C-alpha atoms as a PDB file:
ATOM      1  CA  MET A   1      97.350 145.122  94.581  1.00  0.00           C
ATOM      2  CA  ASN A   2      94.460 143.352  95.113  1.00  0.00           C
ATOM      3  CA  LYS A   3      92.303 144.548  98.186  1.00  0.00           C
ATOM      4  CA  THR A   4      91.685 142.873 101.421  1.00  0.00           C
ATOM      5  CA  GLY A   5      88.954 142.410 104.181  1.00  0.00           C
ATOM      6  CA  LYS A   6      86.405 145.004 104.449  1.00  0.00           C
ATOM      7  CA  GLU A   7      87.562 146.810 101.415  1.00  0.00           C
ATOM      8  CA  GLN A   8      86.516 143.740  99.071  1.00  0.00           C
ATOM      9  CA  SER A   9      82.844 142.899  97.761  1.00  0.00           C
ATOM     10  CA  THR A  10      81.345 139.668  98.347  1.00  0.00           C
ATOM     11  CA  PRO A  11      81.690 138.541  95.025  1.00  0.00           C
ATOM     12  CA  LYS A  12      85.500 139.345  94.338  1.00  0.00           C
ATOM     13  CA  ARG A  13      86.306 137.891  98.202  1.00  0.00           C
ATOM     14  CA  ARG A  14      84.559 134.570  97.255  1.00  0.00           C
ATOM     15  CA  ASP A  15      87.061 134.724  94.192  1.00  0.00           C
ATOM     16  CA  ALA A  16      89.959 135.577  96.331  1.00  0.00           C
ATOM     17  CA  VAL A  17      88.887 132.324  98.366  1.00  0.00           C
ATOM     18  CA  TYR A  18      88.564 130.027  95.500  1.00  0.00           C
ATOM     19  CA  GLN A  19      91.908 131.670  93.972  1.00  0.00           C
ATOM     20  CA  LEU A  20      93.815 130.488  97.343  1.00  0.00           C
ATOM     21  CA  LEU A  21      92.136 127.302  97.536  1.00  0.00           C
ATOM     22  CA  GLN A  22      93.195 126.176  93.964  1.00  0.00           C
ATOM     23  CA  GLN A  23      96.884 127.345  94.862  1.00  0.00           C
ATOM     24  CA  CYS A  24      96.423 125.572  98.546  1.00  0.00           C
ATOM     25  CA  LYS A  25      94.600 122.664  97.267  1.00  0.00           C
ATOM     26  CA  ILE A  26      93.520 122.070 100.878  1.00  0.00           C
ATOM     27  CA  ALA A  27      93.159 125.011 103.576  1.00  0.00           C
ATOM     28  CA  SER A  28      91.298 125.933 106.212  1.00  0.00           C
ATOM     29  CA  ALA A  29      88.887 128.514 107.173  1.00  0.00           C
ATOM     30  CA  LYS A  30      91.728 129.942 109.660  1.00  0.00           C
ATOM     31  CA  GLU A  31      94.372 130.257 106.768  1.00  0.00           C
ATOM     32  CA  ILE A  32      92.469 131.398 104.950  1.00  0.00           C
ATOM     33  CA  SER A  33      90.891 134.292 107.252  1.00  0.00           C
ATOM     34  CA  LYS A  34      94.337 135.254 108.010  1.00  0.00           C
ATOM     35  CA  LYS A  35      95.564 135.392 104.340  1.00  0.00           C
ATOM     36  CA  LEU A  36      92.660 137.786 103.540  1.00  0.00           C
ATOM     37  CA  HIS A  37      92.408 139.639 106.915  1.00  0.00           C
ATOM     38  CA  VAL A  38      88.308 138.738 107.656  1.00  0.00           C
ATOM     39  CA  SER A  39      86.861 136.691 109.981  1.00  0.00           C
ATOM     40  CA  GLU A  40      86.884 132.737 109.949  1.00  0.00           C
ATOM     41  CA  MET A  41      82.722 133.042 110.204  1.00  0.00           C
ATOM     42  CA  THR A  42      83.012 134.838 107.249  1.00  0.00           C
ATOM     43  CA  ILE A  43      85.130 132.655 105.539  1.00  0.00           C
ATOM     44  CA  ARG A  44      82.757 129.686 106.628  1.00  0.00           C
ATOM     45  CA  ARG A  45      79.887 131.306 105.178  1.00  0.00           C
ATOM     46  CA  ASP A  46      82.325 131.250 101.530  1.00  0.00           C
ATOM     47  CA  PHE A  47      83.053 127.796 101.721  1.00  0.00           C
ATOM     48  CA  GLU A  48      79.235 127.451 102.286  1.00  0.00           C
ATOM     49  CA  TYR A  49      78.307 129.189  99.084  1.00  0.00           C
ATOM     50  CA  LEU A  50      81.286 127.749  97.152  1.00  0.00           C
ATOM     51  CA  GLU A  51      80.107 124.196  97.980  1.00  0.00           C
ATOM     52  CA  ASN A  52      76.383 124.968  97.220  1.00  0.00           C
ATOM     53  CA  LYS A  53      77.652 125.873  93.577  1.00  0.00           C
ATOM     54  CA  GLY A  54      79.843 122.653  93.431  1.00  0.00           C
ATOM     55  CA  LEU A  55      83.144 124.489  93.021  1.00  0.00           C
ATOM     56  CA  VAL A  56      84.359 123.401  96.704  1.00  0.00           C
ATOM     57  CA  GLU A  57      84.128 119.962  99.006  1.00  0.00           C
ATOM     58  CA  ARG A  58      84.543 120.130 102.789  1.00  0.00           C
ATOM     59  CA  THR A  59      86.762 117.484 104.471  1.00  0.00           C
ATOM     60  CA  HIS A  60      87.672 116.673 107.964  1.00  0.00           C
ATOM     61  CA  GLY A  61      91.334 118.587 106.741  1.00  0.00           C
ATOM     62  CA  GLY A  62      89.991 121.043 105.203  1.00  0.00           C
ATOM     63  CA  THR A  63      88.246 122.416 102.404  1.00  0.00           C
ATOM     64  CA  ILE A  64      89.587 121.798  98.707  1.00  0.00           C
ATOM     65  CA  ILE A  65      89.035 122.354  95.296  1.00  0.00           C
ATOM     66  CA  SER A  66      86.074 120.068  93.899  1.00  0.00           C
ATOM     67  CA  ASN A  67      86.866 117.245  91.555  1.00  0.00           C
ATOM     68  CA  ARG A  68      83.330 115.927  90.359  1.00  0.00           C
ATOM     69  CA  TYR A  69      84.042 118.451  87.317  1.00  0.00           C
ATOM     70  CA  ASN A  70      87.871 118.944  87.286  1.00  0.00           C
ATOM     71  CA  THR A  71      87.906 118.908  83.871  1.00  0.00           C
ATOM     72  CA  ALA A  72      85.572 121.289  82.832  1.00  0.00           C
ATOM     73  CA  LEU A  73      83.821 123.752  84.832  1.00  0.00           C
ATOM     74  CA  LEU A  74      79.519 123.727  84.241  1.00  0.00           C
ATOM     75  CA  PHE A  75      78.782 126.817  82.852  1.00  0.00           C
ATOM     76  CA  SER A  76      76.468 127.590  86.051  1.00  0.00           C
ATOM     77  CA  GLN A  77      79.642 127.193  87.836  1.00  0.00           C
ATOM     78  CA  LYS A  78      81.483 129.723  85.626  1.00  0.00           C
ATOM     79  CA  ASN A  79      79.264 131.929  85.636  1.00  0.00           C
ATOM     80  CA  MET A  80      79.937 132.694  89.430  1.00  0.00           C
ATOM     81  CA  LEU A  81      83.210 133.307  89.188  1.00  0.00           C
ATOM     82  CA  HIS A  82      85.447 136.634  88.533  1.00  0.00           C
ATOM     83  CA  ILE A  83      81.779 138.469  88.101  1.00  0.00           C
ATOM     84  CA  GLU A  84      83.076 142.194  88.236  1.00  0.00           C
ATOM     85  CA  ALA A  85      85.985 141.107  85.874  1.00  0.00           C
ATOM     86  CA  LYS A  86      83.526 139.715  83.389  1.00  0.00           C
ATOM     87  CA  GLN A  87      81.667 142.443  83.366  1.00  0.00           C
ATOM     88  CA  ALA A  88      84.491 145.381  82.901  1.00  0.00           C
ATOM     89  CA  ILE A  89      85.884 143.038  80.110  1.00  0.00           C
ATOM     90  CA  ALA A  90      82.762 142.362  78.139  1.00  0.00           C
ATOM     91  CA  ARG A  91      81.979 146.253  78.552  1.00  0.00           C
ATOM     92  CA  SER A  92      85.477 146.839  77.106  1.00  0.00           C
ATOM     93  CA  ALA A  93      84.954 144.781  74.587  1.00  0.00           C
ATOM     94  CA  ALA A  94      81.751 145.698  73.163  1.00  0.00           C
ATOM     95  CA  ALA A  95      83.822 149.458  72.075  1.00  0.00           C
ATOM     96  CA  TYR A  96      85.471 147.574  70.055  1.00  0.00           C
ATOM     97  CA  ILE A  97      82.119 146.471  67.710  1.00  0.00           C
ATOM     98  CA  GLN A  98      81.694 148.914  64.963  1.00  0.00           C
ATOM     99  CA  PRO A  99      78.501 149.558  62.293  1.00  0.00           C
ATOM    100  CA  TYR A 100      77.792 147.054  59.664  1.00  0.00           C
ATOM    101  CA  ASP A 101      80.099 144.267  61.488  1.00  0.00           C
ATOM    102  CA  THR A 102      80.185 140.888  61.169  1.00  0.00           C
ATOM    103  CA  ILE A 103      81.295 139.397  64.566  1.00  0.00           C
ATOM    104  CA  PHE A 104      81.981 135.591  65.848  1.00  0.00           C
ATOM    105  CA  LEU A 105      81.007 135.567  69.527  1.00  0.00           C
ATOM    106  CA  ASN A 106      81.988 131.891  71.061  1.00  0.00           C
ATOM    107  CA  SER A 107      80.066 130.530  74.023  1.00  0.00           C
ATOM    108  CA  GLY A 108      80.957 131.712  77.632  1.00  0.00           C
ATOM    109  CA  THR A 109      80.244 133.573  80.498  1.00  0.00           C
ATOM    110  CA  THR A 110      82.342 136.556  79.298  1.00  0.00           C
ATOM    111  CA  THR A 111      81.222 136.548  76.304  1.00  0.00           C
ATOM    112  CA  MET A 112      77.596 136.137  77.021  1.00  0.00           C
ATOM    113  CA  ARG A 113      78.498 139.659  78.566  1.00  0.00           C
ATOM    114  CA  ILE A 114      78.865 141.600  76.034  1.00  0.00           C
ATOM    115  CA  PHE A 115      75.614 141.267  74.153  1.00  0.00           C
ATOM    116  CA  PRO A 116      73.893 144.273  76.161  1.00  0.00           C
ATOM    117  CA  PHE A 117      77.119 146.784  76.259  1.00  0.00           C
ATOM    118  CA  ILE A 118      76.783 146.684  71.881  1.00  0.00           C
ATOM    119  CA  THR A 119      75.554 149.836  70.935  1.00  0.00           C
ATOM    120  CA  ALA A 120      76.915 150.293  67.318  1.00  0.00           C
ATOM    121  CA  GLU A 121      74.080 149.748  64.656  1.00  0.00           C
ATOM    122  CA  HIS A 122      73.651 147.226  62.000  1.00  0.00           C
ATOM    123  CA  VAL A 123      75.769 144.308  63.876  1.00  0.00           C
ATOM    124  CA  LYS A 124      75.557 140.853  62.689  1.00  0.00           C
ATOM    125  CA  ILE A 125      76.761 138.202  65.480  1.00  0.00           C
ATOM    126  CA  ILE A 126      76.795 134.403  64.983  1.00  0.00           C
ATOM    127  CA  THR A 127      77.425 132.498  68.138  1.00  0.00           C
ATOM    128  CA  ASN A 128      77.092 129.052  69.393  1.00  0.00           C
ATOM    129  CA  ASN A 129      76.452 130.326  72.841  1.00  0.00           C
ATOM    130  CA  PRO A 130      72.065 129.212  73.538  1.00  0.00           C
ATOM    131  CA  CYS A 131      72.001 131.844  76.588  1.00  0.00           C
ATOM    132  CA  ILE A 132      71.650 134.635  74.681  1.00  0.00           C
ATOM    133  CA  PRO A 133      70.111 137.394  76.614  1.00  0.00           C
ATOM    134  CA  LEU A 134      67.772 138.274  73.668  1.00  0.00           C
ATOM    135  CA  ASP A 135      65.984 140.972  76.351  1.00  0.00           C
ATOM    136  CA  GLU A 136      68.857 142.969  76.681  1.00  0.00           C
ATOM    137  CA  ILE A 137      70.037 142.686  72.992  1.00  0.00           C
ATOM    138  CA  SER A 138      69.384 146.363  70.756  1.00  0.00           C
ATOM    139  CA  GLU A 139      66.941 145.765  67.704  1.00  0.00           C
ATOM    140  CA  ASN A 140      69.427 146.836  65.334  1.00  0.00           C
ATOM    141  CA  ILE A 141      71.443 143.393  66.010  1.00  0.00           C
ATOM    142  CA  GLU A 142      70.845 140.613  64.143  1.00  0.00           C
ATOM    143  CA  VAL A 143      71.596 137.538  66.015  1.00  0.00           C
ATOM    144  CA  ILE A 144      72.259 133.808  64.149  1.00  0.00           C
ATOM    145  CA  SER A 145      72.677 130.587  66.004  1.00  0.00           C
ATOM    146  CA  THR A 146      75.271 128.005  64.694  1.00  0.00           C
ATOM    147  CA  GLY A 147      72.575 125.093  65.774  1.00  0.00           C
ATOM    148  CA  GLY A 148      74.522 121.927  66.616  1.00  0.00           C
ATOM    149  CA  ILE A 149      74.638 119.650  69.471  1.00  0.00           C
ATOM    150  CA  TYR A 150      73.605 121.200  72.646  1.00  0.00           C
ATOM    151  CA  ASN A 151      75.915 120.308  75.710  1.00  0.00           C
ATOM    152  CA  THR A 152      74.063 120.520  78.699  1.00  0.00           C
ATOM    153  CA  GLU A 153      77.517 120.898  81.457  1.00  0.00           C
ATOM    154  CA  SER A 154      78.860 124.217  79.329  1.00  0.00           C
ATOM    155  CA  LEU A 155      75.991 124.777  77.421  1.00  0.00           C
ATOM    156  CA  THR A 156      77.492 125.553  74.234  1.00  0.00           C
ATOM    157  CA  LEU A 157      76.438 124.411  70.751  1.00  0.00           C
ATOM    158  CA  VAL A 158      79.262 121.703  69.135  1.00  0.00           C
ATOM    159  CA  GLY A 159      79.639 119.374  66.531  1.00  0.00           C
ATOM    160  CA  GLY A 160      79.339 118.965  62.660  1.00  0.00           C
ATOM    161  CA  ILE A 161      76.424 121.595  61.978  1.00  0.00           C
ATOM    162  CA  ALA A 162      77.783 124.435  64.501  1.00  0.00           C
ATOM    163  CA  ASN A 163      81.082 123.828  62.691  1.00  0.00           C
ATOM    164  CA  THR A 164      79.550 124.147  59.192  1.00  0.00           C
ATOM    165  CA  SER A 165      77.513 127.360  60.229  1.00  0.00           C
ATOM    166  CA  VAL A 166      80.632 128.948  60.842  1.00  0.00           C
ATOM    167  CA  GLY A 167      82.905 127.368  58.206  1.00  0.00           C
ATOM    168  CA  ASN A 168      80.062 129.305  55.626  1.00  0.00           C
ATOM    169  CA  VAL A 169      81.008 132.977  57.569  1.00  0.00           C
ATOM    170  CA  TRP A 170      83.804 135.554  57.066  1.00  0.00           C
ATOM    171  CA  ALA A 171      83.480 137.492  60.014  1.00  0.00           C
ATOM    172  CA  THR A 172      85.157 141.220  60.482  1.00  0.00           C
ATOM    173  CA  LYS A 173      85.989 140.416  64.415  1.00  0.00           C
ATOM    174  CA  SER A 174      85.991 137.711  66.464  1.00  0.00           C
ATOM    175  CA  PHE A 175      85.314 137.341  70.352  1.00  0.00           C
ATOM    176  CA  ILE A 176      86.433 134.393  72.056  1.00  0.00           C
ATOM    177  CA  GLY A 177      86.552 133.640  75.721  1.00  0.00           C
ATOM    178  CA  ILE A 178      88.824 131.017  76.605  1.00  0.00           C
ATOM    179  CA  ASP A 179      89.786 128.655  79.264  1.00  0.00           C
ATOM    180  CA  GLY A 180      93.253 128.977  79.355  1.00  0.00           C
ATOM    181  CA  ILE A 181      95.968 131.450  77.534  1.00  0.00           C
ATOM    182  CA  ASP A 182      99.577 130.784  77.513  1.00  0.00           C
ATOM    183  CA  VAL A 183     102.324 132.702  75.923  1.00  0.00           C
ATOM    184  CA  ASN A 184     103.857 129.738  75.039  1.00  0.00           C
ATOM    185  CA  CYS A 185     100.651 127.013  74.876  1.00  0.00           C
ATOM    186  CA  GLY A 186      98.589 129.275  73.173  1.00  0.00           C
ATOM    187  CA  LEU A 187      94.834 129.135  73.739  1.00  0.00           C
ATOM    188  CA  THR A 188      92.993 125.984  75.556  1.00  0.00           C
ATOM    189  CA  THR A 189      89.782 124.425  75.989  1.00  0.00           C
ATOM    190  CA  PRO A 190      88.998 121.665  78.565  1.00  0.00           C
ATOM    191  CA  VAL A 191      86.507 120.312  76.039  1.00  0.00           C
ATOM    192  CA  GLU A 192      87.776 119.019  72.268  1.00  0.00           C
ATOM    193  CA  GLN A 193      84.730 119.767  70.435  1.00  0.00           C
ATOM    194  CA  GLU A 194      84.393 123.526  71.563  1.00  0.00           C
ATOM    195  CA  SER A 195      88.780 123.373  70.861  1.00  0.00           C
ATOM    196  CA  TYR A 196      87.295 122.778  66.835  1.00  0.00           C
ATOM    197  CA  ILE A 197      84.411 125.641  66.860  1.00  0.00           C
ATOM    198  CA  ASN A 198      86.671 128.487  68.480  1.00  0.00           C
ATOM    199  CA  ARG A 199      89.540 127.131  65.911  1.00  0.00           C
ATOM    200  CA  LEU A 200      87.237 127.794  62.672  1.00  0.00           C
ATOM    201  CA  MET A 201      85.805 131.156  64.334  1.00  0.00           C
ATOM    202  CA  ILE A 202      89.609 132.043  64.607  1.00  0.00           C
ATOM    203  CA  GLU A 203      90.478 130.608  60.976  1.00  0.00           C
ATOM    204  CA  HIS A 204      87.863 132.599  59.363  1.00  0.00           C
ATOM    205  CA  THR A 205      87.778 135.648  60.441  1.00  0.00           C
ATOM    206  CA  ARG A 206      89.150 138.803  58.247  1.00  0.00           C
ATOM    207  CA  GLY A 207      89.854 141.296  60.976  1.00  0.00           C
ATOM    208  CA  ASN A 208      91.261 140.848  64.916  1.00  0.00           C
ATOM    209  CA  ILE A 209      90.659 138.464  66.797  1.00  0.00           C
ATOM    210  CA  ILE A 210      89.808 140.045  70.512  1.00  0.00           C
ATOM    211  CA  ILE A 211      90.880 137.169  73.598  1.00  0.00           C
ATOM    212  CA  VAL A 212      88.190 138.209  76.552  1.00  0.00           C
ATOM    213  CA  ALA A 213      89.468 136.488  79.543  1.00  0.00           C
ATOM    214  CA  ASP A 214      89.664 137.785  83.460  1.00  0.00           C
ATOM    215  CA  SER A 215      93.372 137.200  84.656  1.00  0.00           C
ATOM    216  CA  SER A 216      92.379 133.952  86.523  1.00  0.00           C
ATOM    217  CA  LYS A 217      92.943 132.272  82.919  1.00  0.00           C
ATOM    218  CA  ILE A 218      96.302 133.629  82.120  1.00  0.00           C
ATOM    219  CA  GLY A 219      99.231 131.044  82.052  1.00  0.00           C
ATOM    220  CA  LYS A 220      96.856 128.129  82.290  1.00  0.00           C
ATOM    221  CA  ILE A 221      96.690 125.453  80.158  1.00  0.00           C
ATOM    222  CA  SER A 222      93.826 122.939  79.388  1.00  0.00           C
ATOM    223  CA  ARG A 223      93.763 119.989  77.465  1.00  0.00           C
ATOM    224  CA  PHE A 224      92.772 120.914  73.571  1.00  0.00           C
ATOM    225  CA  ARG A 225      94.510 123.382  71.582  1.00  0.00           C
ATOM    226  CA  VAL A 226      92.450 126.176  69.749  1.00  0.00           C
ATOM    227  CA  ALA A 227      95.355 128.335  68.304  1.00  0.00           C
ATOM    228  CA  PRO A 228      98.795 129.289  69.061  1.00  0.00           C
ATOM    229  CA  ILE A 229      99.505 132.465  70.578  1.00  0.00           C
ATOM    230  CA  THR A 230     100.163 134.322  67.054  1.00  0.00           C
ATOM    231  CA  SER A 231      97.217 134.041  66.473  1.00  0.00           C
ATOM    232  CA  ILE A 232      95.522 136.470  68.046  1.00  0.00           C
ATOM    233  CA  HIS A 233      95.925 140.823  68.055  1.00  0.00           C
ATOM    234  CA  ILE A 234      94.278 141.881  71.014  1.00  0.00           C
ATOM    235  CA  LEU A 235      93.716 140.243  74.963  1.00  0.00           C
ATOM    236  CA  ILE A 236      91.094 142.048  76.926  1.00  0.00           C
ATOM    237  CA  THR A 237      91.613 141.229  80.695  1.00  0.00           C
ATOM    238  CA  ASP A 238      91.284 142.980  83.943  1.00  0.00           C
ATOM    239  CA  THR A 239      93.457 144.737  86.141  1.00  0.00           C
ATOM    240  CA  ASP A 240      94.688 141.962  88.187  1.00  0.00           C
ATOM    241  CA  ILE A 241      97.568 140.981  85.044  1.00  0.00           C
ATOM    242  CA  SER A 242     100.986 141.093  86.529  1.00  0.00           C
ATOM    243  CA  ASN A 243     103.261 143.541  85.101  1.00  0.00           C
ATOM    244  CA  THR A 244     105.039 139.987  83.781  1.00  0.00           C
ATOM    245  CA  ASP A 245     102.472 139.304  82.248  1.00  0.00           C
ATOM    246  CA  VAL A 246     101.242 141.855  80.029  1.00  0.00           C
ATOM    247  CA  GLU A 247     105.489 142.354  79.089  1.00  0.00           C
ATOM    248  CA  LYS A 248     105.165 138.446  77.577  1.00  0.00           C
ATOM    249  CA  PHE A 249     101.998 139.189  75.484  1.00  0.00           C
ATOM    250  CA  THR A 250     103.248 142.494  74.213  1.00  0.00           C
ATOM    251  CA  ASN A 251     106.592 140.848  73.245  1.00  0.00           C
ATOM    252  CA  ALA A 252     104.576 138.494  71.307  1.00  0.00           C
ATOM    253  CA  GLY A 253     102.778 141.061  69.547  1.00  0.00           C
ATOM    254  CA  ILE A 254      99.655 140.798  71.516  1.00  0.00           C
ATOM    255  CA  GLN A 255      97.865 144.294  72.335  1.00  0.00           C
ATOM    256  CA  VAL A 256      96.930 144.310  76.023  1.00  0.00           C
ATOM    257  CA  ILE A 257      93.775 146.550  77.268  1.00  0.00           C
ATOM    258  CA  LYS A 258      93.188 146.211  80.982  1.00  0.00           C
ATOM    259  CA  ALA A 259      89.473 146.600  81.842  1.00  0.00           C
ATOM    260  CA  SER A 260      89.057 148.435  84.819  1.00  0.00           C
ATOM    261  CA  PHE A 261      85.951 148.103  87.318  1.00  0.00           C
ATOM    262  CA  LEU A 262      83.391 151.131  87.352  1.00  0.00           C
END
């Protein structure tokens, strides 16, 4: 059950506000405050915070989700959402990495958080993420950048060079962050070039394909297909995933791991 009111941390409450706005399309501070059992002043501050991040727009009729980047949120915007869930998922994902693994780690705000939690030695990581936290990576980890065209909005490396780099490697495991995961429509992303490199990572993995995605991504369908749901083995998400969704993924042959907050 989701916590409300004073029981929620500020980041989780802001996540809840954003999710409610996604559902309602437009809402007032009064409407949101009643749903979350907090003061209107608190919600107005949350609206202001989300507006400053470019996630929402305030109008005379209420607050709405911003249309400026309605196809693909900026990396900086995504990075401010579901922070606690992403940390928990990253910690759980790192436990699957073993010594001498060769890993594909795609670009994303969840996969980026895996790096500091890796304790296995002699691990080789191939990534198209240019935002690698180098100061938090163990000396026993070798990180190889794919190179490629730098997408300044999503902060990813894409294009022919990146695809060739991935195509020349066979990984033991892949950790893929994704914008949408649906049992029927599979894995999807709003950026066409990202769909190509993510698909290549999956196709060039000999072992487990592990999807790292917070529960807000479940049931979402974006513009470009990456791979069918049958291509993945493990889904690591947060504890807010519904029992119905767990059952759907389990019936599709996918192991669902619910990463809990510490």
